Amino acid sequence: MAINGNKARYEGLRSIAFGTIGTGYTQIGTNFSNPVRILIVTNATNQGLFFSYDGMTDNSWIPASSAPRIINYCANSAGAVGLLEHPMQTGVFVKYVTNAPTSGAVYIETIYADN
């Protein structure tokens, strides 16, 4: 058990199949039900894809079939207010720019803290 009593918890795996990814941003699964401490994004398609955390802005590009992108928001504290987290009721969005993927899927894994 952690000193402050928090335990790592996982939301259900979110995914989107290659045929659903378009030239405009599409959300991958549902909004987060909890503030996310660790976000894991896996592009298992055969094309590089753009990712957004607000559904409008190009925030990340992840190459085809690359290693998972792990975003550890709470690796360092954000000051006196606590740990940095990806807000609940938000999500991850994906699009392609040049070539549509023809195989694979994108996966989103989330880890949050709970007492």
C-alpha atoms as a PDB file:
ATOM      1  CA  MET A   1       0.000   0.000   0.000  1.00  0.00           C
ATOM      2  CA  ALA A   2       1.232   3.485  -0.816  1.00  0.00           C
ATOM      3  CA  ILE A   3       2.003   5.867   2.029  1.00  0.00           C
ATOM      4  CA  ASN A   4      -1.055   8.003   1.274  1.00  0.00           C
ATOM      5  CA  GLY A   5      -3.305   4.966   0.787  1.00  0.00           C
ATOM      6  CA  ASN A   6      -3.788   5.351  -2.974  1.00  0.00           C
ATOM      7  CA  LYS A   7      -3.954   2.292  -5.190  1.00  0.00           C
ATOM      8  CA  ALA A   8      -3.492   2.048  -8.945  1.00  0.00           C
ATOM      9  CA  ARG A   9      -6.747   1.340 -10.766  1.00  0.00           C
ATOM     10  CA  TYR A  10      -7.451   0.814 -14.454  1.00  0.00           C
ATOM     11  CA  GLU A  11     -10.324   1.928 -16.624  1.00  0.00           C
ATOM     12  CA  GLY A  12     -11.431  -0.381 -19.417  1.00  0.00           C
ATOM     13  CA  LEU A  13      -9.322  -0.592 -22.563  1.00  0.00           C
ATOM     14  CA  ARG A  14     -10.411   1.828 -25.289  1.00  0.00           C
ATOM     15  CA  SER A  15      -9.782   1.087 -28.953  1.00  0.00           C
ATOM     16  CA  ILE A  16     -10.639   2.160 -32.467  1.00  0.00           C
ATOM     17  CA  ALA A  17     -10.286  -0.030 -35.560  1.00  0.00           C
ATOM     18  CA  PHE A  18      -8.354   1.209 -38.596  1.00  0.00           C
ATOM     19  CA  GLY A  19     -11.493   1.604 -40.753  1.00  0.00           C
ATOM     20  CA  THR A  20     -13.038   4.081 -38.315  1.00  0.00           C
ATOM     21  CA  ILE A  21     -10.085   6.496 -38.399  1.00  0.00           C
ATOM     22  CA  GLY A  22     -10.698   9.401 -40.781  1.00  0.00           C
ATOM     23  CA  THR A  23      -9.221  12.738 -41.812  1.00  0.00           C
ATOM     24  CA  GLY A  24     -11.062  14.531 -38.988  1.00  0.00           C
ATOM     25  CA  TYR A  25     -10.538  13.734 -35.328  1.00  0.00           C
ATOM     26  CA  THR A  26     -12.523  10.783 -33.964  1.00  0.00           C
ATOM     27  CA  GLN A  27     -12.627  10.005 -30.249  1.00  0.00           C
ATOM     28  CA  ILE A  28     -11.105   6.705 -29.157  1.00  0.00           C
ATOM     29  CA  GLY A  29     -13.717   5.146 -26.892  1.00  0.00           C
ATOM     30  CA  THR A  30     -15.450   7.194 -24.212  1.00  0.00           C
ATOM     31  CA  ASN A  31     -14.399  10.087 -21.984  1.00  0.00           C
ATOM     32  CA  PHE A  32     -12.264   9.249 -18.970  1.00  0.00           C
ATOM     33  CA  SER A  33     -14.308   8.532 -15.839  1.00  0.00           C
ATOM     34  CA  ASN A  34     -11.390   9.416 -13.546  1.00  0.00           C
ATOM     35  CA  PRO A  35      -8.420  11.793 -13.601  1.00  0.00           C
ATOM     36  CA  VAL A  36      -5.700   9.864 -15.444  1.00  0.00           C
ATOM     37  CA  ARG A  37      -2.254   9.535 -13.877  1.00  0.00           C
ATOM     38  CA  ILE A  38      -0.707   7.356 -16.606  1.00  0.00           C
ATOM     39  CA  LEU A  39      -1.908   7.267 -20.214  1.00  0.00           C
ATOM     40  CA  ILE A  40      -0.661   4.625 -22.665  1.00  0.00           C
ATOM     41  CA  VAL A  41      -1.316   5.151 -26.390  1.00  0.00           C
ATOM     42  CA  THR A  42      -0.541   2.331 -28.828  1.00  0.00           C
ATOM     43  CA  ASN A  43      -0.711   2.841 -32.589  1.00  0.00           C
ATOM     44  CA  ALA A  44      -0.911  -0.715 -33.924  1.00  0.00           C
ATOM     45  CA  THR A  45      -2.034   0.429 -37.395  1.00  0.00           C
ATOM     46  CA  ASN A  46       0.094   0.425 -40.527  1.00  0.00           C
ATOM     47  CA  GLN A  47       0.179   4.265 -40.792  1.00  0.00           C
ATOM     48  CA  GLY A  48       1.514   7.102 -38.675  1.00  0.00           C
ATOM     49  CA  LEU A  49      -1.336   8.975 -36.979  1.00  0.00           C
ATOM     50  CA  PHE A  50      -2.005  12.326 -35.310  1.00  0.00           C
ATOM     51  CA  PHE A  51      -3.449  12.451 -31.796  1.00  0.00           C
ATOM     52  CA  SER A  52      -5.311  15.205 -29.968  1.00  0.00           C
ATOM     53  CA  TYR A  53      -6.310  15.633 -26.351  1.00  0.00           C
ATOM     54  CA  ASP A  54      -8.993  18.260 -27.076  1.00  0.00           C
ATOM     55  CA  GLY A  55     -10.356  16.949 -30.396  1.00  0.00           C
ATOM     56  CA  MET A  56      -9.062  19.929 -32.375  1.00  0.00           C
ATOM     57  CA  THR A  57      -5.322  20.457 -31.863  1.00  0.00           C
ATOM     58  CA  ASP A  58      -2.588  18.225 -33.310  1.00  0.00           C
ATOM     59  CA  ASN A  59      -0.780  17.300 -30.074  1.00  0.00           C
ATOM     60  CA  SER A  60       1.158  14.155 -31.011  1.00  0.00           C
ATOM     61  CA  TRP A  61       2.201  12.110 -34.019  1.00  0.00           C
ATOM     62  CA  ILE A  62       2.854   8.432 -33.414  1.00  0.00           C
ATOM     63  CA  PRO A  63       4.483   6.301 -36.124  1.00  0.00           C
ATOM     64  CA  ALA A  64       2.916   3.089 -37.430  1.00  0.00           C
ATOM     65  CA  SER A  65       3.379  -0.048 -35.333  1.00  0.00           C
ATOM     66  CA  SER A  66       5.619   1.818 -32.885  1.00  0.00           C
ATOM     67  CA  ALA A  67       6.256   1.151 -29.232  1.00  0.00           C
ATOM     68  CA  PRO A  68       3.482   2.414 -26.952  1.00  0.00           C
ATOM     69  CA  ARG A  69       3.656   6.098 -25.989  1.00  0.00           C
ATOM     70  CA  ILE A  70       3.537   6.287 -22.202  1.00  0.00           C
ATOM     71  CA  ILE A  71       2.583   9.620 -20.664  1.00  0.00           C
ATOM     72  CA  ASN A  72       3.224   9.600 -16.932  1.00  0.00           C
ATOM     73  CA  TYR A  73       1.521  12.761 -15.713  1.00  0.00           C
ATOM     74  CA  CYS A  74       2.345  12.172 -12.068  1.00  0.00           C
ATOM     75  CA  ALA A  75       6.054  11.379 -12.396  1.00  0.00           C
ATOM     76  CA  ASN A  76       6.722  14.697 -10.684  1.00  0.00           C
ATOM     77  CA  SER A  77       4.438  16.656  -8.415  1.00  0.00           C
ATOM     78  CA  ALA A  78       2.995  19.859  -9.830  1.00  0.00           C
ATOM     79  CA  GLY A  79       3.644  21.889  -6.701  1.00  0.00           C
ATOM     80  CA  ALA A  80       1.581  22.448  -3.594  1.00  0.00           C
ATOM     81  CA  VAL A  81      -1.699  21.440  -5.261  1.00  0.00           C
ATOM     82  CA  GLY A  82      -0.644  17.842  -5.790  1.00  0.00           C
ATOM     83  CA  LEU A  83       0.015  15.727  -8.827  1.00  0.00           C
ATOM     84  CA  LEU A  84      -0.471  16.538 -12.465  1.00  0.00           C
ATOM     85  CA  GLU A  85      -3.355  14.563 -14.035  1.00  0.00           C
ATOM     86  CA  HIS A  86      -5.185  14.327 -17.347  1.00  0.00           C
ATOM     87  CA  PRO A  87      -8.695  15.601 -16.502  1.00  0.00           C
ATOM     88  CA  MET A  88     -11.686  13.314 -16.234  1.00  0.00           C
ATOM     89  CA  GLN A  89     -14.505  13.727 -18.792  1.00  0.00           C
ATOM     90  CA  THR A  90     -11.943  14.277 -21.556  1.00  0.00           C
ATOM     91  CA  GLY A  91     -10.524  11.781 -24.029  1.00  0.00           C
ATOM     92  CA  VAL A  92      -8.061  11.017 -26.793  1.00  0.00           C
ATOM     93  CA  PHE A  93      -8.787  11.617 -30.469  1.00  0.00           C
ATOM     94  CA  VAL A  94      -7.092  10.294 -33.620  1.00  0.00           C
ATOM     95  CA  LYS A  95      -6.882  11.110 -37.342  1.00  0.00           C
ATOM     96  CA  TYR A  96      -4.748  10.409 -40.379  1.00  0.00           C
ATOM     97  CA  VAL A  97      -3.441  13.102 -42.698  1.00  0.00           C
ATOM     98  CA  THR A  98      -2.029  11.494 -45.840  1.00  0.00           C
ATOM     99  CA  ASN A  99      -2.682   7.756 -46.012  1.00  0.00           C
ATOM    100  CA  ALA A 100      -5.565   5.916 -44.382  1.00  0.00           C
ATOM    101  CA  PRO A 101      -4.560   2.914 -42.299  1.00  0.00           C
ATOM    102  CA  THR A 102      -5.605  -0.399 -43.819  1.00  0.00           C
ATOM    103  CA  SER A 103      -4.946  -2.684 -40.869  1.00  0.00           C
ATOM    104  CA  GLY A 104      -4.669  -2.686 -37.105  1.00  0.00           C
ATOM    105  CA  ALA A 105      -6.154  -0.507 -34.382  1.00  0.00           C
ATOM    106  CA  VAL A 106      -5.290   2.154 -31.815  1.00  0.00           C
ATOM    107  CA  TYR A 107      -5.483   1.366 -28.103  1.00  0.00           C
ATOM    108  CA  ILE A 108      -5.766   3.629 -25.051  1.00  0.00           C
ATOM    109  CA  GLU A 109      -4.933   2.368 -21.554  1.00  0.00           C
ATOM    110  CA  THR A 110      -5.483   4.499 -18.455  1.00  0.00           C
ATOM    111  CA  ILE A 111      -4.283   4.244 -14.877  1.00  0.00           C
ATOM    112  CA  TYR A 112      -5.763   6.383 -12.085  1.00  0.00           C
ATOM    113  CA  ALA A 113      -5.396   6.558  -8.309  1.00  0.00           C
ATOM    114  CA  ASP A 114      -8.063   5.442  -5.863  1.00  0.00           C
ATOM    115  CA  ASN A 115      -8.209   4.995  -2.088  1.00  0.00           C
END
